[in-house]
Amino acid sequence: MGRPAAGSNTTATPERLLDAADAVFAQHGFRGARLEDIAAAAGIRRPSLLYHFPSKELLYNAVVRRTFQRLGAALTEAMLQPSSFSDRFDAIIDTYTNFLEEHPELARILVWELLDGQGPGRVVLLEQVVPLLDLTERFARIEGRRHIRADLPVRAAILQIASDLVLRTSAREFKHALWGDQVHARVLARALFFSNTSGE
């Protein structure tokens, strides 16, 4: 695909295209999203979009990969704080909660992929989700070995908290009716992970 003709609207950077694609994929899923709609949301024409991303699948995978890389960087920063395990534990929960609130499209894309089972993002999701899960589990087992319950199935507990927040974020108009106005992720996580909820 050649570069769009001179005079066409090529001011949208790949980052702007990814931002626009985020919103459209989250609303319609991969199958329902149209490149024309993504291009329009970014303020360009379809040929200009295809210059940066030659197919819808490549664009979708780039959206998923970028979002998880941002989440991974935020979680790693929380884990590396120079503070107690208890404080870092809270920081990880808060970071994940806030990230989903700021990027609700991630939760909706995850739900779309889980329900579809054959979506184009399944490979890149596994490439991104499993290492993040491994990282979080390793942090809990190593850094929290003197703090978390010895009988806790750590990976399952992490998924319990993470999936509840994904479902809550993706619920849209049902969110407040089902979960209420408060986010209880930190309280629930402490109840799961610690015998003493102070984390000591």
N, C-alpha and C. Protein backbone atom coordinates (compact mmCIF):
# COMPACT_ATOMS: atom_id res chain seq x y z
N MET A 1 0.86 -1.19 0.00
CA MET A 1 0.00 0.00 0.00
C MET A 1 0.89 1.23 0.00
N GLY A 2 0.74 2.09 -1.02
CA GLY A 2 1.58 3.27 -1.11
C GLY A 2 1.14 4.35 -0.14
N ARG A 3 1.99 5.36 -0.02
CA ARG A 3 1.66 6.49 0.85
C ARG A 3 0.46 7.24 0.26
N PRO A 4 -0.48 7.69 1.10
CA PRO A 4 -1.63 8.42 0.60
C PRO A 4 -1.22 9.63 -0.23
N ALA A 5 -2.07 10.01 -1.15
CA ALA A 5 -1.76 11.11 -2.05
C ALA A 5 -1.54 12.40 -1.29
N ALA A 6 -0.70 13.25 -1.86
CA ALA A 6 -0.45 14.56 -1.24
C ALA A 6 -1.75 15.31 -1.11
N GLY A 7 -1.88 16.01 0.02
CA GLY A 7 -3.09 16.77 0.25
C GLY A 7 -4.13 16.03 1.04
N SER A 8 -3.97 14.68 1.18
CA SER A 8 -4.93 13.95 2.00
C SER A 8 -4.62 14.19 3.46
N ASN A 9 -5.58 13.88 4.31
CA ASN A 9 -5.42 14.15 5.74
C ASN A 9 -4.57 13.06 6.37
N THR A 10 -3.27 13.33 6.54
CA THR A 10 -2.36 12.34 7.10
C THR A 10 -1.81 12.81 8.44
N THR A 11 -2.51 13.73 9.09
CA THR A 11 -1.99 14.29 10.34
C THR A 11 -2.14 13.33 11.50
N ALA A 12 -3.00 12.32 11.39
CA ALA A 12 -3.20 11.39 12.49
C ALA A 12 -1.99 10.48 12.61
N THR A 13 -1.38 10.44 13.77
CA THR A 13 -0.25 9.56 14.02
C THR A 13 -0.76 8.17 14.33
N PRO A 14 0.14 7.16 14.31
CA PRO A 14 -0.29 5.82 14.72
C PRO A 14 -0.92 5.80 16.12
N GLU A 15 -0.41 6.65 17.02
CA GLU A 15 -0.99 6.67 18.37
C GLU A 15 -2.44 7.15 18.33
N ARG A 16 -2.73 8.15 17.54
CA ARG A 16 -4.12 8.61 17.41
C ARG A 16 -4.99 7.54 16.79
N LEU A 17 -4.45 6.82 15.82
CA LEU A 17 -5.21 5.72 15.22
C LEU A 17 -5.50 4.63 16.24
N LEU A 18 -4.52 4.33 17.07
CA LEU A 18 -4.73 3.31 18.11
C LEU A 18 -5.76 3.78 19.13
N ASP A 19 -5.74 5.06 19.47
CA ASP A 19 -6.74 5.60 20.39
C ASP A 19 -8.14 5.45 19.81
N ALA A 20 -8.28 5.79 18.53
CA ALA A 20 -9.59 5.67 17.89
C ALA A 20 -10.01 4.21 17.79
N ALA A 21 -9.07 3.34 17.44
CA ALA A 21 -9.39 1.92 17.32
C ALA A 21 -9.78 1.32 18.66
N ASP A 22 -9.12 1.76 19.73
CA ASP A 22 -9.48 1.33 21.08
C ASP A 22 -10.98 1.45 21.31
N ALA A 23 -11.48 2.64 21.05
CA ALA A 23 -12.89 2.93 21.34
C ALA A 23 -13.83 2.13 20.45
N VAL A 24 -13.50 2.01 19.16
CA VAL A 24 -14.39 1.31 18.24
C VAL A 24 -14.39 -0.19 18.50
N PHE A 25 -13.22 -0.77 18.73
CA PHE A 25 -13.15 -2.20 19.03
C PHE A 25 -13.86 -2.52 20.35
N ALA A 26 -13.72 -1.64 21.33
CA ALA A 26 -14.38 -1.87 22.62
C ALA A 26 -15.89 -1.85 22.48
N GLN A 27 -16.40 -1.00 21.61
CA GLN A 27 -17.85 -0.89 21.44
C GLN A 27 -18.43 -2.01 20.59
N HIS A 28 -17.70 -2.41 19.55
CA HIS A 28 -18.28 -3.33 18.56
C HIS A 28 -17.60 -4.70 18.51
N GLY A 29 -16.46 -4.87 19.22
CA GLY A 29 -15.71 -6.09 19.05
C GLY A 29 -14.97 -6.09 17.73
N PHE A 30 -14.11 -7.10 17.52
CA PHE A 30 -13.34 -7.13 16.28
C PHE A 30 -14.25 -7.29 15.07
N ARG A 31 -15.19 -8.22 15.15
CA ARG A 31 -16.01 -8.54 13.97
C ARG A 31 -16.92 -7.37 13.59
N GLY A 32 -17.44 -6.66 14.58
CA GLY A 32 -18.37 -5.58 14.28
C GLY A 32 -17.72 -4.26 13.94
N ALA A 33 -16.45 -4.10 14.28
CA ALA A 33 -15.75 -2.84 14.02
C ALA A 33 -15.44 -2.70 12.53
N ARG A 34 -15.55 -1.48 12.02
CA ARG A 34 -15.24 -1.21 10.62
C ARG A 34 -14.08 -0.23 10.52
N LEU A 35 -13.18 -0.50 9.60
CA LEU A 35 -12.04 0.39 9.42
C LEU A 35 -12.48 1.80 9.06
N GLU A 36 -13.57 1.91 8.32
CA GLU A 36 -14.09 3.23 7.96
C GLU A 36 -14.44 4.04 9.20
N ASP A 37 -15.05 3.37 10.19
CA ASP A 37 -15.44 4.06 11.42
C ASP A 37 -14.21 4.47 12.23
N ILE A 38 -13.20 3.59 12.26
CA ILE A 38 -11.98 3.91 12.99
C ILE A 38 -11.27 5.10 12.33
N ALA A 39 -11.18 5.06 11.01
CA ALA A 39 -10.55 6.16 10.29
C ALA A 39 -11.28 7.48 10.54
N ALA A 40 -12.61 7.42 10.49
CA ALA A 40 -13.40 8.63 10.73
C ALA A 40 -13.18 9.17 12.14
N ALA A 41 -13.11 8.27 13.12
CA ALA A 41 -12.88 8.69 14.50
C ALA A 41 -11.52 9.35 14.67
N ALA A 42 -10.55 8.92 13.84
CA ALA A 42 -9.21 9.51 13.90
C ALA A 42 -9.08 10.73 13.01
N GLY A 43 -10.13 11.03 12.24
CA GLY A 43 -10.11 12.20 11.39
C GLY A 43 -9.36 12.02 10.08
N ILE A 44 -9.28 10.77 9.59
CA ILE A 44 -8.60 10.50 8.33
C ILE A 44 -9.48 9.62 7.46
N ARG A 45 -8.97 9.29 6.26
CA ARG A 45 -9.68 8.38 5.38
C ARG A 45 -9.10 6.97 5.50
N ARG A 46 -9.87 6.00 5.04
CA ARG A 46 -9.47 4.59 5.15
C ARG A 46 -8.10 4.31 4.51
N PRO A 47 -7.77 4.83 3.33
CA PRO A 47 -6.44 4.56 2.76
C PRO A 47 -5.29 5.04 3.66
N SER A 48 -5.50 6.15 4.34
CA SER A 48 -4.46 6.64 5.25
C SER A 48 -4.28 5.70 6.43
N LEU A 49 -5.38 5.16 6.93
CA LEU A 49 -5.30 4.18 8.01
C LEU A 49 -4.53 2.95 7.55
N LEU A 50 -4.85 2.47 6.35
CA LEU A 50 -4.22 1.25 5.84
C LEU A 50 -2.74 1.46 5.54
N TYR A 51 -2.33 2.70 5.34
CA TYR A 51 -0.90 2.96 5.18
C TYR A 51 -0.16 2.62 6.47
N HIS A 52 -0.74 2.95 7.62
CA HIS A 52 -0.11 2.68 8.91
C HIS A 52 -0.35 1.24 9.37
N PHE A 53 -1.55 0.73 9.14
CA PHE A 53 -1.92 -0.62 9.57
C PHE A 53 -2.62 -1.30 8.39
N PRO A 54 -1.92 -2.19 7.67
CA PRO A 54 -2.45 -2.75 6.43
C PRO A 54 -3.67 -3.65 6.57
N SER A 55 -4.02 -4.05 7.79
CA SER A 55 -5.21 -4.89 7.96
C SER A 55 -5.86 -4.60 9.30
N LYS A 56 -7.13 -4.96 9.41
CA LYS A 56 -7.85 -4.76 10.66
C LYS A 56 -7.25 -5.61 11.77
N GLU A 57 -6.81 -6.82 11.43
CA GLU A 57 -6.23 -7.70 12.45
C GLU A 57 -4.93 -7.13 13.00
N LEU A 58 -4.08 -6.58 12.14
CA LEU A 58 -2.84 -5.96 12.61
C LEU A 58 -3.13 -4.77 13.52
N LEU A 59 -4.13 -3.99 13.16
CA LEU A 59 -4.52 -2.85 13.99
C LEU A 59 -5.04 -3.32 15.34
N TYR A 60 -5.87 -4.33 15.33
CA TYR A 60 -6.44 -4.86 16.57
C TYR A 60 -5.34 -5.39 17.49
N ASN A 61 -4.42 -6.15 16.93
CA ASN A 61 -3.33 -6.69 17.74
C ASN A 61 -2.46 -5.58 18.31
N ALA A 62 -2.25 -4.52 17.53
CA ALA A 62 -1.47 -3.39 18.02
C ALA A 62 -2.17 -2.70 19.18
N VAL A 63 -3.50 -2.58 19.09
CA VAL A 63 -4.29 -1.99 20.18
C VAL A 63 -4.13 -2.80 21.46
N VAL A 64 -4.31 -4.11 21.35
CA VAL A 64 -4.23 -4.98 22.53
C VAL A 64 -2.83 -4.96 23.11
N ARG A 65 -1.83 -5.06 22.25
CA ARG A 65 -0.44 -5.11 22.73
C ARG A 65 -0.06 -3.80 23.44
N ARG A 66 -0.42 -2.66 22.86
CA ARG A 66 -0.08 -1.38 23.47
C ARG A 66 -0.71 -1.24 24.85
N THR A 67 -1.98 -1.62 24.97
CA THR A 67 -2.68 -1.46 26.24
C THR A 67 -2.05 -2.33 27.32
N PHE A 68 -1.73 -3.57 26.99
CA PHE A 68 -1.13 -4.45 28.00
C PHE A 68 0.29 -4.04 28.34
N GLN A 69 1.02 -3.49 27.40
CA GLN A 69 2.35 -3.00 27.72
C GLN A 69 2.27 -1.83 28.70
N ARG A 70 1.29 -0.97 28.52
CA ARG A 70 1.10 0.14 29.46
C ARG A 70 0.71 -0.38 30.85
N LEU A 71 -0.18 -1.36 30.87
CA LEU A 71 -0.59 -1.94 32.15
C LEU A 71 0.59 -2.61 32.83
N GLY A 72 1.38 -3.37 32.07
CA GLY A 72 2.54 -4.03 32.64
C GLY A 72 3.54 -3.05 33.23
N ALA A 73 3.76 -1.94 32.55
CA ALA A 73 4.69 -0.93 33.06
C ALA A 73 4.16 -0.32 34.36
N ALA A 74 2.86 -0.07 34.42
CA ALA A 74 2.26 0.52 35.62
C ALA A 74 2.34 -0.45 36.80
N LEU A 75 2.05 -1.73 36.56
CA LEU A 75 2.11 -2.72 37.63
C LEU A 75 3.54 -2.93 38.12
N THR A 76 4.48 -2.96 37.19
CA THR A 76 5.89 -3.13 37.57
C THR A 76 6.35 -1.96 38.44
N GLU A 77 5.95 -0.76 38.09
CA GLU A 77 6.30 0.41 38.89
C GLU A 77 5.75 0.28 40.31
N ALA A 78 4.52 -0.22 40.45
CA ALA A 78 3.93 -0.41 41.77
C ALA A 78 4.69 -1.46 42.57
N MET A 79 5.12 -2.53 41.91
CA MET A 79 5.85 -3.59 42.59
C MET A 79 7.22 -3.14 43.07
N LEU A 80 7.81 -2.18 42.37
CA LEU A 80 9.18 -1.76 42.68
C LEU A 80 9.25 -0.56 43.62
N GLN A 81 8.11 -0.14 44.15
CA GLN A 81 8.13 0.97 45.10
C GLN A 81 8.97 0.61 46.32
N PRO A 82 9.74 1.57 46.85
CA PRO A 82 10.55 1.31 48.04
C PRO A 82 9.71 1.38 49.32
N SER A 83 8.83 0.42 49.48
CA SER A 83 7.93 0.43 50.64
C SER A 83 7.65 -1.00 51.06
N SER A 84 6.83 -1.16 52.08
CA SER A 84 6.53 -2.48 52.61
C SER A 84 5.73 -3.30 51.61
N PHE A 85 5.70 -4.62 51.83
CA PHE A 85 4.90 -5.48 50.96
C PHE A 85 3.43 -5.08 51.03
N SER A 86 2.96 -4.77 52.22
CA SER A 86 1.55 -4.38 52.38
C SER A 86 1.21 -3.16 51.54
N ASP A 87 2.10 -2.16 51.56
CA ASP A 87 1.85 -0.94 50.78
C ASP A 87 1.93 -1.23 49.28
N ARG A 88 2.88 -2.06 48.88
CA ARG A 88 3.00 -2.39 47.46
C ARG A 88 1.82 -3.24 47.00
N PHE A 89 1.34 -4.11 47.86
CA PHE A 89 0.15 -4.91 47.55
C PHE A 89 -1.03 -3.99 47.25
N ASP A 90 -1.25 -3.02 48.13
CA ASP A 90 -2.34 -2.06 47.91
C ASP A 90 -2.11 -1.26 46.63
N ALA A 91 -0.85 -0.88 46.38
CA ALA A 91 -0.54 -0.09 45.19
C ALA A 91 -0.84 -0.87 43.91
N ILE A 92 -0.58 -2.16 43.92
CA ILE A 92 -0.87 -3.00 42.75
C ILE A 92 -2.36 -3.07 42.50
N ILE A 93 -3.13 -3.30 43.55
CA ILE A 93 -4.59 -3.36 43.41
C ILE A 93 -5.13 -2.02 42.91
N ASP A 94 -4.66 -0.94 43.51
CA ASP A 94 -5.13 0.40 43.11
C ASP A 94 -4.72 0.73 41.67
N THR A 95 -3.50 0.35 41.31
CA THR A 95 -3.01 0.61 39.95
C THR A 95 -3.87 -0.11 38.92
N TYR A 96 -4.17 -1.37 39.17
CA TYR A 96 -4.98 -2.15 38.24
C TYR A 96 -6.40 -1.59 38.17
N THR A 97 -6.96 -1.27 39.33
CA THR A 97 -8.31 -0.70 39.37
C THR A 97 -8.38 0.61 38.59
N ASN A 98 -7.44 1.50 38.86
CA ASN A 98 -7.43 2.81 38.20
C ASN A 98 -7.17 2.68 36.70
N PHE A 99 -6.31 1.73 36.33
CA PHE A 99 -6.02 1.54 34.91
C PHE A 99 -7.28 1.13 34.15
N LEU A 100 -8.04 0.21 34.72
CA LEU A 100 -9.28 -0.20 34.06
C LEU A 100 -10.29 0.93 34.00
N GLU A 101 -10.35 1.74 35.06
CA GLU A 101 -11.27 2.87 35.04
C GLU A 101 -10.88 3.88 33.96
N GLU A 102 -9.57 4.05 33.77
CA GLU A 102 -9.08 5.00 32.77
C GLU A 102 -9.09 4.42 31.36
N HIS A 103 -9.07 3.08 31.27
CA HIS A 103 -9.04 2.39 29.97
C HIS A 103 -10.13 1.31 29.94
N PRO A 104 -11.39 1.70 30.03
CA PRO A 104 -12.45 0.69 30.06
C PRO A 104 -12.50 -0.15 28.80
N GLU A 105 -11.91 0.37 27.71
CA GLU A 105 -11.89 -0.41 26.47
C GLU A 105 -11.13 -1.72 26.65
N LEU A 106 -10.13 -1.75 27.53
CA LEU A 106 -9.39 -3.00 27.78
C LEU A 106 -10.31 -4.06 28.33
N ALA A 107 -11.12 -3.69 29.33
CA ALA A 107 -12.05 -4.66 29.93
C ALA A 107 -13.02 -5.19 28.88
N ARG A 108 -13.54 -4.30 28.05
CA ARG A 108 -14.53 -4.73 27.06
C ARG A 108 -13.91 -5.61 25.98
N ILE A 109 -12.68 -5.30 25.57
CA ILE A 109 -12.00 -6.14 24.59
C ILE A 109 -11.73 -7.52 25.18
N LEU A 110 -11.33 -7.57 26.44
CA LEU A 110 -11.12 -8.86 27.10
C LEU A 110 -12.39 -9.69 27.11
N VAL A 111 -13.50 -9.06 27.46
CA VAL A 111 -14.77 -9.79 27.50
C VAL A 111 -15.15 -10.25 26.10
N TRP A 112 -14.99 -9.40 25.10
CA TRP A 112 -15.27 -9.80 23.72
C TRP A 112 -14.47 -11.04 23.35
N GLU A 113 -13.18 -11.04 23.65
CA GLU A 113 -12.32 -12.16 23.28
C GLU A 113 -12.68 -13.44 24.03
N LEU A 114 -12.98 -13.31 25.32
CA LEU A 114 -13.33 -14.48 26.12
C LEU A 114 -14.64 -15.10 25.63
N LEU A 115 -15.59 -14.27 25.25
CA LEU A 115 -16.87 -14.78 24.77
C LEU A 115 -16.75 -15.38 23.37
N ASP A 116 -15.92 -14.76 22.54
CA ASP A 116 -15.78 -15.23 21.16
C ASP A 116 -15.01 -16.55 21.11
N GLY A 117 -13.87 -16.58 21.77
CA GLY A 117 -13.06 -17.80 21.80
C GLY A 117 -12.23 -18.02 20.56
N GLN A 118 -12.63 -17.44 19.44
CA GLN A 118 -11.90 -17.60 18.19
C GLN A 118 -11.50 -16.24 17.60
N GLY A 119 -11.53 -15.22 18.42
CA GLY A 119 -11.21 -13.88 17.94
C GLY A 119 -9.76 -13.77 17.51
N PRO A 120 -9.45 -12.79 16.68
CA PRO A 120 -8.09 -12.63 16.16
C PRO A 120 -7.09 -12.22 17.23
N GLY A 121 -7.57 -11.70 18.35
CA GLY A 121 -6.67 -11.26 19.40
C GLY A 121 -6.29 -12.33 20.39
N ARG A 122 -6.76 -13.56 20.20
CA ARG A 122 -6.53 -14.58 21.22
C ARG A 122 -5.04 -14.88 21.41
N VAL A 123 -4.28 -14.88 20.31
CA VAL A 123 -2.85 -15.18 20.42
C VAL A 123 -2.12 -14.05 21.14
N VAL A 124 -2.36 -12.81 20.71
CA VAL A 124 -1.68 -11.69 21.35
C VAL A 124 -2.14 -11.51 22.79
N LEU A 125 -3.41 -11.84 23.08
CA LEU A 125 -3.87 -11.77 24.46
C LEU A 125 -3.11 -12.76 25.34
N LEU A 126 -2.95 -13.98 24.85
CA LEU A 126 -2.18 -14.97 25.61
C LEU A 126 -0.74 -14.51 25.77
N GLU A 127 -0.18 -13.92 24.73
CA GLU A 127 1.19 -13.43 24.81
C GLU A 127 1.34 -12.33 25.85
N GLN A 128 0.30 -11.54 26.06
CA GLN A 128 0.37 -10.40 26.97
C GLN A 128 -0.14 -10.73 28.37
N VAL A 129 -1.25 -11.49 28.44
CA VAL A 129 -1.89 -11.74 29.73
C VAL A 129 -1.08 -12.70 30.59
N VAL A 130 -0.63 -13.80 30.00
CA VAL A 130 0.06 -14.82 30.79
C VAL A 130 1.34 -14.28 31.44
N PRO A 131 2.21 -13.56 30.72
CA PRO A 131 3.38 -13.00 31.40
C PRO A 131 3.03 -12.04 32.54
N LEU A 132 1.98 -11.23 32.36
CA LEU A 132 1.56 -10.34 33.44
C LEU A 132 1.08 -11.12 34.65
N LEU A 133 0.33 -12.18 34.38
CA LEU A 133 -0.15 -13.03 35.47
C LEU A 133 1.02 -13.72 36.16
N ASP A 134 1.98 -14.21 35.38
CA ASP A 134 3.18 -14.83 35.95
C ASP A 134 3.94 -13.84 36.82
N LEU A 135 4.10 -12.62 36.33
CA LEU A 135 4.82 -11.58 37.08
C LEU A 135 4.15 -11.29 38.41
N THR A 136 2.83 -11.15 38.39
CA THR A 136 2.10 -10.83 39.61
C THR A 136 2.14 -11.99 40.59
N GLU A 137 2.01 -13.21 40.08
CA GLU A 137 2.07 -14.38 40.96
C GLU A 137 3.46 -14.51 41.59
N ARG A 138 4.49 -14.30 40.80
CA ARG A 138 5.85 -14.39 41.31
C ARG A 138 6.10 -13.34 42.39
N PHE A 139 5.62 -12.13 42.16
CA PHE A 139 5.74 -11.08 43.18
C PHE A 139 5.06 -11.51 44.47
N ALA A 140 3.84 -12.02 44.38
CA ALA A 140 3.09 -12.41 45.58
C ALA A 140 3.79 -13.54 46.33
N ARG A 141 4.28 -14.52 45.59
CA ARG A 141 4.90 -15.69 46.24
C ARG A 141 6.26 -15.35 46.86
N ILE A 142 7.05 -14.54 46.19
CA ILE A 142 8.40 -14.24 46.67
C ILE A 142 8.39 -13.10 47.69
N GLU A 143 7.84 -11.97 47.28
CA GLU A 143 7.84 -10.81 48.17
C GLU A 143 6.86 -10.97 49.33
N GLY A 144 5.81 -11.75 49.11
CA GLY A 144 4.78 -11.88 50.14
C GLY A 144 4.81 -13.19 50.90
N ARG A 145 5.91 -13.93 50.78
CA ARG A 145 5.94 -15.28 51.37
C ARG A 145 5.75 -15.26 52.89
N ARG A 146 6.08 -14.17 53.55
CA ARG A 146 5.90 -14.10 55.01
C ARG A 146 4.59 -13.44 55.38
N HIS A 147 3.80 -13.07 54.38
CA HIS A 147 2.60 -12.28 54.66
C HIS A 147 1.31 -12.96 54.21
N ILE A 148 1.31 -13.56 53.02
CA ILE A 148 0.06 -14.13 52.51
C ILE A 148 -0.19 -15.50 53.11
N ARG A 149 -1.43 -15.92 53.08
CA ARG A 149 -1.83 -17.21 53.64
C ARG A 149 -1.09 -18.34 52.93
N ALA A 150 -0.59 -19.29 53.72
CA ALA A 150 0.18 -20.40 53.17
C ALA A 150 -0.68 -21.32 52.31
N ASP A 151 -1.98 -21.40 52.62
CA ASP A 151 -2.86 -22.32 51.89
C ASP A 151 -3.53 -21.67 50.68
N LEU A 152 -3.12 -20.45 50.34
CA LEU A 152 -3.80 -19.71 49.28
C LEU A 152 -3.37 -20.19 47.89
N PRO A 153 -4.32 -20.52 47.01
CA PRO A 153 -3.99 -20.76 45.60
C PRO A 153 -3.78 -19.40 44.93
N VAL A 154 -2.54 -18.95 44.91
CA VAL A 154 -2.21 -17.56 44.59
C VAL A 154 -2.72 -17.16 43.21
N ARG A 155 -2.45 -17.98 42.21
CA ARG A 155 -2.84 -17.62 40.84
C ARG A 155 -4.35 -17.48 40.72
N ALA A 156 -5.08 -18.42 41.33
CA ALA A 156 -6.54 -18.35 41.28
C ALA A 156 -7.06 -17.11 42.00
N ALA A 157 -6.41 -16.75 43.10
CA ALA A 157 -6.84 -15.56 43.85
C ALA A 157 -6.60 -14.29 43.02
N ILE A 158 -5.46 -14.22 42.34
CA ILE A 158 -5.18 -13.06 41.48
C ILE A 158 -6.24 -12.95 40.39
N LEU A 159 -6.55 -14.07 39.76
CA LEU A 159 -7.55 -14.07 38.69
C LEU A 159 -8.94 -13.71 39.22
N GLN A 160 -9.23 -14.11 40.44
CA GLN A 160 -10.53 -13.78 41.03
C GLN A 160 -10.71 -12.27 41.14
N ILE A 161 -9.69 -11.60 41.66
CA ILE A 161 -9.76 -10.14 41.80
C ILE A 161 -9.74 -9.47 40.44
N ALA A 162 -8.82 -9.91 39.57
CA ALA A 162 -8.67 -9.27 38.26
C ALA A 162 -9.93 -9.43 37.41
N SER A 163 -10.50 -10.62 37.39
CA SER A 163 -11.68 -10.86 36.55
C SER A 163 -12.90 -10.13 37.08
N ASP A 164 -13.02 -10.01 38.40
CA ASP A 164 -14.14 -9.26 38.96
C ASP A 164 -14.08 -7.79 38.53
N LEU A 165 -12.87 -7.22 38.54
CA LEU A 165 -12.72 -5.83 38.12
C LEU A 165 -12.97 -5.66 36.63
N VAL A 166 -12.55 -6.64 35.83
CA VAL A 166 -12.83 -6.59 34.39
C VAL A 166 -14.33 -6.62 34.14
N LEU A 167 -15.02 -7.52 34.82
CA LEU A 167 -16.46 -7.64 34.64
C LEU A 167 -17.17 -6.37 35.09
N ARG A 168 -16.75 -5.82 36.23
CA ARG A 168 -17.36 -4.60 36.74
C ARG A 168 -17.17 -3.45 35.76
N THR A 169 -15.95 -3.31 35.25
CA THR A 169 -15.66 -2.20 34.35
C THR A 169 -16.43 -2.31 33.05
N SER A 170 -16.60 -3.53 32.56
CA SER A 170 -17.27 -3.72 31.26
C SER A 170 -18.79 -3.72 31.37
N ALA A 171 -19.32 -3.67 32.59
CA ALA A 171 -20.77 -3.80 32.78
C ALA A 171 -21.57 -2.57 32.38
N ARG A 172 -20.89 -1.43 32.22
CA ARG A 172 -21.54 -0.19 31.78
C ARG A 172 -22.72 0.17 32.68
N GLU A 173 -23.94 0.23 32.11
CA GLU A 173 -25.09 0.71 32.88
C GLU A 173 -25.47 -0.22 34.03
N PHE A 174 -24.98 -1.46 34.00
CA PHE A 174 -25.29 -2.40 35.08
C PHE A 174 -24.31 -2.28 36.26
N LYS A 175 -23.23 -1.55 36.05
CA LYS A 175 -22.15 -1.54 37.04
C LYS A 175 -22.63 -1.11 38.42
N HIS A 176 -23.29 0.02 38.51
CA HIS A 176 -23.67 0.54 39.82
C HIS A 176 -24.83 -0.25 40.41
N ALA A 177 -25.71 -0.77 39.57
CA ALA A 177 -26.82 -1.58 40.08
C ALA A 177 -26.32 -2.88 40.70
N LEU A 178 -25.28 -3.47 40.11
CA LEU A 178 -24.78 -4.77 40.59
C LEU A 178 -23.69 -4.63 41.65
N TRP A 179 -22.77 -3.69 41.47
CA TRP A 179 -21.62 -3.59 42.38
C TRP A 179 -21.74 -2.43 43.37
N GLY A 180 -22.66 -1.53 43.14
CA GLY A 180 -22.75 -0.35 43.99
C GLY A 180 -21.78 0.73 43.55
N ASP A 181 -21.71 1.79 44.33
CA ASP A 181 -20.91 2.95 43.96
C ASP A 181 -19.45 2.83 44.35
N GLN A 182 -19.13 1.92 45.26
CA GLN A 182 -17.77 1.80 45.75
C GLN A 182 -17.04 0.63 45.10
N VAL A 183 -15.73 0.80 44.93
CA VAL A 183 -14.88 -0.30 44.46
C VAL A 183 -14.27 -0.97 45.69
N HIS A 184 -14.50 -2.25 45.85
CA HIS A 184 -14.06 -2.96 47.05
C HIS A 184 -12.90 -3.91 46.77
N ALA A 185 -12.18 -3.68 45.69
CA ALA A 185 -11.13 -4.61 45.28
C ALA A 185 -10.06 -4.78 46.35
N ARG A 186 -9.65 -3.68 46.99
CA ARG A 186 -8.59 -3.79 47.98
C ARG A 186 -9.05 -4.59 49.19
N VAL A 187 -10.27 -4.34 49.66
CA VAL A 187 -10.81 -5.08 50.80
C VAL A 187 -10.94 -6.56 50.47
N LEU A 188 -11.46 -6.86 49.30
CA LEU A 188 -11.62 -8.26 48.89
C LEU A 188 -10.27 -8.95 48.74
N ALA A 189 -9.31 -8.26 48.15
CA ALA A 189 -7.98 -8.85 47.96
C ALA A 189 -7.32 -9.15 49.30
N ARG A 190 -7.44 -8.23 50.24
CA ARG A 190 -6.85 -8.47 51.56
C ARG A 190 -7.54 -9.63 52.27
N ALA A 191 -8.85 -9.74 52.12
CA ALA A 191 -9.57 -10.85 52.74
C ALA A 191 -9.13 -12.19 52.15
N LEU A 192 -8.83 -12.19 50.85
CA LEU A 192 -8.38 -13.42 50.20
C LEU A 192 -6.94 -13.77 50.56
N PHE A 193 -6.06 -12.78 50.55
CA PHE A 193 -4.63 -13.06 50.63
C PHE A 193 -4.09 -13.17 52.05
N PHE A 194 -4.69 -12.43 52.99
CA PHE A 194 -4.10 -12.34 54.31
C PHE A 194 -5.01 -12.94 55.38
N SER A 195 -4.41 -13.65 56.32
CA SER A 195 -5.17 -14.08 57.50
C SER A 195 -5.49 -12.87 58.36
N ASN A 196 -4.52 -11.97 58.47
CA ASN A 196 -4.70 -10.70 59.16
C ASN A 196 -4.81 -9.62 58.08
N THR A 197 -5.95 -8.97 57.98
CA THR A 197 -6.19 -8.04 56.87
C THR A 197 -5.31 -6.80 56.91
N SER A 198 -4.53 -6.63 57.96
CA SER A 198 -3.56 -5.54 57.98
C SER A 198 -2.39 -5.84 57.05
N GLY A 199 -2.25 -7.12 56.66
CA GLY A 199 -1.17 -7.51 55.77
C GLY A 199 0.13 -7.78 56.48
N GLU A 200 0.10 -7.77 57.78
CA GLU A 200 1.33 -8.02 58.56
C GLU A 200 1.49 -9.50 58.85
